[in-house]
Amino acid sequence: MKNLITRTITGILFVAVIIGAIWYSPESFRGLILIANIWALLEFYRLVYMEESRWILYGDILGGTYLVSILFLLPNLSDERSVLFIFVPYLIYLLYTFIVRLYLKEENPIISWGYSLLGQIYIALPLGLLAFIAYPPLSGEATVPYNRLLLIAFFSLIWINDTGAYVVGSLLGKHRLFERISPKKSWEGFFGGLLFALILGWIWSLYNPFLSTAQGLGLGAVVSIFSTWGDLCESLLKRTVNVKDSGTLLPGHGGLLDRLDSVFLAAPAVVIYLLCIA
């Protein structure tokens, strides 16, 4: 009961911080994502790096943070030359990542390269792609309006999917969804989460004028399916490195990776979906 109370309070505060940052201003949301990105990368690299050089760690975190930053600039950049120039520091980071391993006496530098780049692709890139949900590709206009409701819809669909999956799975779950990776997840829970997400997607279509009913349902389905895969991928990561939680930042929930795991696959999938319906 004590753990449930702690988990509930932490969850409420977590949701409040995200919604508050989204609603207050584009800058507050961007700042929150940058902080979340730094912490999530730190958790990830600490899980996989073992005895890696701290300068490699700092370089990877700096590279990922810069990637998120420039992705948040892209929706409102129309000059192709400017787009190319803002990527130059990140290209320097990629060159550094490969070259520095020439001077380190590592037993298997290929694995180290893989870890560095995996953190960029698995964490920094999806968090940066949230910019294209904040500024959805609705038209060819140079300036795209900040869409608070779509961002809140995205995160709320993830949360309602998790809640629906947990409630239905706890009550009716009998058939394991992916027992090798996550023994507690069930097909009943998955379809329960999907149903909750579809209902909420339909509700959000009533408040987002560019989403039709069908598109709102589609958004709910995309978020539900890919957030479930995101959860499973992080479970696979933790099983591989033999840990229960990615960290201790959030009492009752574990680390930040444990709370953002659904976002890492859902964000790219939703960006693709928005491009398809634009």
Protein backbone atom coordinates (compact mmCIF):
# COMPACT_ATOMS: atom_id res chain seq x y z
CA MET A 1 0.00 0.00 0.00
CA LYS A 2 2.86 2.37 0.86
CA ASN A 3 4.52 1.70 -2.51
CA LEU A 4 1.20 2.25 -4.30
CA ILE A 5 0.75 5.63 -2.59
CA THR A 6 4.32 6.64 -3.43
CA ARG A 7 3.89 5.51 -7.02
CA THR A 8 0.60 7.42 -7.34
CA ILE A 9 1.98 10.67 -5.94
CA THR A 10 5.06 10.47 -8.15
CA GLY A 11 2.91 9.73 -11.20
CA ILE A 12 0.63 12.71 -10.53
CA LEU A 13 3.62 15.05 -10.12
CA PHE A 14 5.23 13.65 -13.28
CA VAL A 15 2.08 14.27 -15.32
CA ALA A 16 1.61 17.74 -13.81
CA VAL A 17 5.17 18.79 -14.68
CA ILE A 18 4.83 17.68 -18.30
CA ILE A 19 1.40 19.24 -18.87
CA GLY A 20 2.44 22.41 -17.05
CA ALA A 21 5.56 22.79 -19.18
CA ILE A 22 3.60 22.15 -22.39
CA TRP A 23 0.89 24.64 -21.53
CA TYR A 24 3.09 27.43 -20.14
CA SER A 25 5.16 28.09 -23.26
CA PRO A 26 7.10 26.42 -26.10
CA GLU A 27 10.31 27.40 -24.31
CA SER A 28 9.35 25.69 -21.05
CA PHE A 29 8.47 22.49 -22.91
CA ARG A 30 11.72 22.58 -24.87
CA GLY A 31 13.67 23.18 -21.66
CA LEU A 32 11.96 20.25 -19.95
CA ILE A 33 12.75 17.94 -22.87
CA LEU A 34 16.40 19.01 -22.87
CA ILE A 35 16.69 18.26 -19.15
CA ALA A 36 14.89 14.94 -19.59
CA ASN A 37 17.19 14.08 -22.49
CA ILE A 38 20.34 14.73 -20.45
CA TRP A 39 19.10 12.63 -17.55
CA ALA A 40 17.83 9.79 -19.75
CA LEU A 41 21.13 9.65 -21.67
CA LEU A 42 23.03 9.60 -18.39
CA GLU A 43 20.93 6.65 -17.16
CA PHE A 44 21.32 4.81 -20.47
CA TYR A 45 25.07 5.23 -20.79
CA ARG A 46 25.62 4.31 -17.15
CA LEU A 47 23.72 1.08 -17.80
CA VAL A 48 25.74 0.05 -20.85
CA TYR A 49 29.15 1.71 -20.56
CA MET A 50 30.52 0.04 -17.47
CA GLU A 51 34.11 1.40 -17.24
CA GLU A 52 33.95 3.79 -20.18
CA SER A 53 35.93 7.05 -20.12
CA ARG A 54 34.00 9.93 -18.55
CA TRP A 55 35.00 12.15 -21.48
CA ILE A 56 33.30 9.73 -23.87
CA LEU A 57 30.22 9.87 -21.63
CA TYR A 58 30.22 13.67 -21.56
CA GLY A 59 30.71 13.83 -25.32
CA ASP A 60 27.79 11.48 -25.98
CA ILE A 61 25.48 13.41 -23.66
CA LEU A 62 26.54 16.72 -25.22
CA GLY A 63 26.00 15.31 -28.71
CA GLY A 64 22.53 14.02 -27.87
CA THR A 65 21.54 17.29 -26.23
CA TYR A 66 22.67 19.25 -29.28
CA LEU A 67 20.67 16.91 -31.54
CA VAL A 68 17.50 17.56 -29.54
CA SER A 69 18.17 21.30 -29.64
CA ILE A 70 18.55 21.53 -33.40
CA LEU A 71 15.53 19.34 -34.05
CA PHE A 72 13.44 21.84 -32.08
CA LEU A 73 14.76 24.59 -34.36
CA LEU A 74 14.00 22.83 -37.64
CA PRO A 75 10.18 23.26 -37.88
CA ASN A 76 10.54 27.02 -38.26
CA LEU A 77 13.66 27.13 -40.44
CA SER A 78 13.08 27.71 -44.14
CA ASP A 79 16.62 28.55 -45.28
CA GLU A 80 18.31 25.33 -46.48
CA ARG A 81 21.76 26.79 -45.83
CA SER A 82 20.86 27.49 -42.20
CA VAL A 83 19.59 23.92 -41.80
CA LEU A 84 22.89 22.54 -43.07
CA PHE A 85 24.99 24.81 -40.85
CA ILE A 86 23.21 23.95 -37.61
CA PHE A 87 24.03 20.28 -38.19
CA VAL A 88 27.79 20.95 -38.48
CA PRO A 89 28.53 20.65 -34.70
CA TYR A 90 26.64 17.36 -34.60
CA LEU A 91 28.63 16.04 -37.55
CA ILE A 92 31.78 17.00 -35.63
CA TYR A 93 30.50 14.98 -32.68
CA LEU A 94 29.96 11.94 -34.95
CA LEU A 95 33.50 12.27 -36.33
CA TYR A 96 34.86 12.57 -32.78
CA THR A 97 32.93 9.47 -31.69
CA PHE A 98 34.67 7.33 -34.32
CA ILE A 99 38.13 8.88 -34.22
CA VAL A 100 38.57 8.93 -30.44
CA ARG A 101 38.32 5.13 -30.33
CA LEU A 102 41.54 4.95 -32.36
CA TYR A 103 43.40 6.25 -29.31
CA LEU A 104 41.67 4.19 -26.64
CA LYS A 105 42.90 0.72 -25.83
CA GLU A 106 39.54 -0.99 -25.90
CA GLU A 107 39.06 -4.71 -26.27
CA ASN A 108 36.07 -4.26 -28.57
CA PRO A 109 35.71 -0.70 -29.95
CA ILE A 110 32.84 -1.80 -32.21
CA ILE A 111 30.65 -2.35 -29.14
CA SER A 112 31.63 1.08 -27.80
CA TRP A 113 30.74 2.73 -31.10
CA GLY A 114 27.43 0.90 -31.02
CA TYR A 115 26.62 2.07 -27.48
CA SER A 116 27.43 5.70 -28.31
CA LEU A 117 25.28 5.76 -31.44
CA LEU A 118 22.46 3.70 -29.88
CA GLY A 119 21.94 6.36 -27.22
CA GLN A 120 21.63 8.99 -29.93
CA ILE A 121 19.12 6.97 -31.97
CA TYR A 122 17.16 5.42 -29.13
CA ILE A 123 16.83 8.47 -26.83
CA ALA A 124 17.97 11.80 -28.29
CA LEU A 125 16.41 11.43 -31.74
CA PRO A 126 12.89 10.48 -30.50
CA LEU A 127 12.90 13.24 -27.88
CA GLY A 128 13.98 15.71 -30.56
CA LEU A 129 11.19 14.50 -32.83
CA LEU A 130 8.70 15.72 -30.24
CA ALA A 131 9.35 19.08 -31.90
CA PHE A 132 7.41 17.86 -34.93
CA ILE A 133 4.46 17.03 -32.71
CA ALA A 134 4.71 20.41 -31.02
CA TYR A 135 4.93 22.01 -34.48
CA PRO A 136 3.07 19.47 -36.63
CA PRO A 137 3.65 19.38 -40.42
CA LEU A 138 0.21 20.62 -41.34
CA SER A 139 1.15 22.83 -44.27
CA GLY A 140 4.02 24.29 -46.21
CA GLU A 141 4.02 27.51 -44.20
CA ALA A 142 7.39 28.83 -43.01
CA THR A 143 6.08 29.36 -39.48
CA VAL A 144 4.19 26.50 -37.88
CA PRO A 145 2.02 27.29 -34.82
CA TYR A 146 2.81 25.66 -31.51
CA ASN A 147 0.16 22.98 -30.90
CA ARG A 148 -0.29 22.48 -27.15
CA LEU A 149 -3.35 20.27 -27.53
CA LEU A 150 -1.64 17.82 -29.85
CA LEU A 151 1.30 17.46 -27.46
CA ILE A 152 -1.02 16.88 -24.51
CA ALA A 153 -3.02 14.43 -26.63
CA PHE A 154 0.17 12.51 -27.45
CA PHE A 155 1.28 12.15 -23.85
CA SER A 156 -2.23 11.50 -22.52
CA LEU A 157 -2.69 8.68 -25.07
CA ILE A 158 0.49 7.05 -23.77
CA TRP A 159 -0.68 7.37 -20.17
CA ILE A 160 -4.21 6.11 -20.86
CA ASN A 161 -2.80 3.17 -22.81
CA ASP A 162 -0.55 2.24 -19.87
CA THR A 163 -3.43 2.63 -17.43
CA GLY A 164 -5.87 0.64 -19.53
CA ALA A 165 -3.34 -2.12 -20.11
CA TYR A 166 -2.58 -2.32 -16.39
CA VAL A 167 -6.21 -2.34 -15.24
CA VAL A 168 -7.52 -4.80 -17.84
CA GLY A 169 -4.41 -6.97 -17.61
CA SER A 170 -4.67 -7.16 -13.82
CA LEU A 171 -8.35 -8.12 -13.96
CA LEU A 172 -8.51 -10.35 -17.03
CA GLY A 173 -4.95 -11.08 -18.14
CA LYS A 174 -4.34 -14.77 -18.89
CA HIS A 175 -2.51 -14.95 -22.21
CA ARG A 176 1.08 -13.68 -22.09
CA LEU A 177 1.94 -11.00 -24.65
CA PHE A 178 5.75 -11.37 -24.61
CA GLU A 179 6.66 -13.71 -21.75
CA ARG A 180 10.36 -13.90 -22.67
CA ILE A 181 10.78 -10.15 -22.13
CA SER A 182 7.92 -9.01 -19.88
CA PRO A 183 6.16 -11.89 -18.10
CA LYS A 184 3.42 -9.72 -16.61
CA LYS A 185 2.10 -8.24 -19.85
CA SER A 186 -0.91 -9.94 -21.41
CA TRP A 187 -2.84 -9.78 -24.66
CA GLU A 188 -5.92 -8.84 -22.67
CA GLY A 189 -4.00 -5.90 -21.19
CA PHE A 190 -2.75 -4.85 -24.63
CA PHE A 191 -6.26 -4.78 -26.11
CA GLY A 192 -7.57 -3.02 -23.01
CA GLY A 193 -4.96 -0.28 -23.44
CA LEU A 194 -5.75 -0.08 -27.15
CA LEU A 195 -9.46 0.35 -26.44
CA PHE A 196 -8.80 3.13 -23.93
CA ALA A 197 -6.47 4.86 -26.41
CA LEU A 198 -9.00 4.63 -29.22
CA ILE A 199 -11.70 6.21 -27.05
CA LEU A 200 -9.38 9.02 -25.97
CA GLY A 201 -8.17 9.48 -29.56
CA TRP A 202 -11.77 9.98 -30.64
CA ILE A 203 -12.29 12.52 -27.83
CA TRP A 204 -9.17 14.43 -28.82
CA SER A 205 -10.36 14.59 -32.44
CA LEU A 206 -13.24 16.74 -31.18
CA TYR A 207 -10.78 19.35 -29.85
CA ASN A 208 -8.11 19.28 -32.57
CA PRO A 209 -9.70 20.83 -35.67
CA PHE A 210 -7.22 19.31 -38.10
CA LEU A 211 -7.97 15.76 -36.88
CA SER A 212 -11.03 14.00 -38.26
CA THR A 213 -12.68 11.26 -36.23
CA ALA A 214 -10.89 8.58 -38.25
CA GLN A 215 -7.56 10.36 -37.83
CA GLY A 216 -8.10 10.68 -34.09
CA LEU A 217 -8.79 6.96 -33.86
CA GLY A 218 -5.71 6.31 -35.98
CA LEU A 219 -3.60 8.45 -33.67
CA GLY A 220 -4.82 6.48 -30.68
CA ALA A 221 -4.00 3.18 -32.38
CA VAL A 222 -0.51 4.30 -33.44
CA VAL A 223 0.36 5.56 -29.96
CA SER A 224 -1.01 2.43 -28.28
CA ILE A 225 0.84 -0.04 -30.49
CA PHE A 226 4.19 1.74 -30.60
CA SER A 227 4.21 2.75 -26.95
CA THR A 228 3.72 -0.93 -26.08
CA TRP A 229 6.67 -1.86 -28.29
CA GLY A 230 8.67 0.95 -26.66
CA ASP A 231 7.93 -0.47 -23.22
CA LEU A 232 9.00 -3.93 -24.37
CA CYS A 233 12.23 -2.62 -25.91
CA GLU A 234 13.24 -0.98 -22.64
CA SER A 235 12.37 -4.19 -20.78
CA LEU A 236 14.67 -6.05 -23.18
CA LEU A 237 17.43 -3.51 -22.50
CA LYS A 238 17.10 -3.95 -18.73
CA ARG A 239 17.01 -7.74 -19.00
CA THR A 240 20.14 -7.65 -21.13
CA VAL A 241 22.12 -5.64 -18.56
CA ASN A 242 20.38 -7.45 -15.67
CA VAL A 243 18.79 -4.52 -13.81
CA LYS A 244 15.27 -4.01 -12.48
CA ASP A 245 15.07 -0.23 -12.98
CA SER A 246 17.11 2.21 -15.03
CA GLY A 247 17.56 4.52 -12.02
CA THR A 248 16.03 5.88 -8.82
CA LEU A 249 14.95 9.38 -9.87
CA LEU A 250 11.21 8.71 -9.60
CA PRO A 251 10.17 6.94 -6.35
CA GLY A 252 7.93 3.98 -7.08
CA HIS A 253 8.65 4.16 -10.82
CA GLY A 254 12.42 3.77 -11.14
CA GLY A 255 14.41 5.95 -13.49
CA LEU A 256 13.45 8.40 -16.18
CA LEU A 257 14.04 5.78 -18.87
CA ASP A 258 11.39 3.66 -17.19
CA ARG A 259 8.82 6.47 -17.58
CA LEU A 260 9.82 7.62 -21.07
CA ASP A 261 10.27 4.19 -22.67
CA SER A 262 6.96 4.43 -24.52
CA VAL A 263 7.88 7.83 -25.97
CA PHE A 264 11.04 6.52 -27.64
CA LEU A 265 9.10 4.50 -30.22
CA ALA A 266 5.76 6.32 -30.16
CA ALA A 267 7.23 9.74 -31.06
CA PRO A 268 8.83 8.68 -34.38
CA ALA A 269 5.72 6.65 -35.27
CA VAL A 270 3.39 9.61 -34.60
CA VAL A 271 5.58 11.96 -36.65
CA ILE A 272 5.34 9.55 -39.58
CA TYR A 273 1.58 9.32 -39.04
CA LEU A 274 1.19 13.11 -39.01
CA LEU A 275 3.17 13.38 -42.25
CA CYS A 276 0.85 10.82 -43.83
CA ILE A 277 -2.33 12.65 -42.86
CA ALA A 278 -1.01 16.21 -43.45
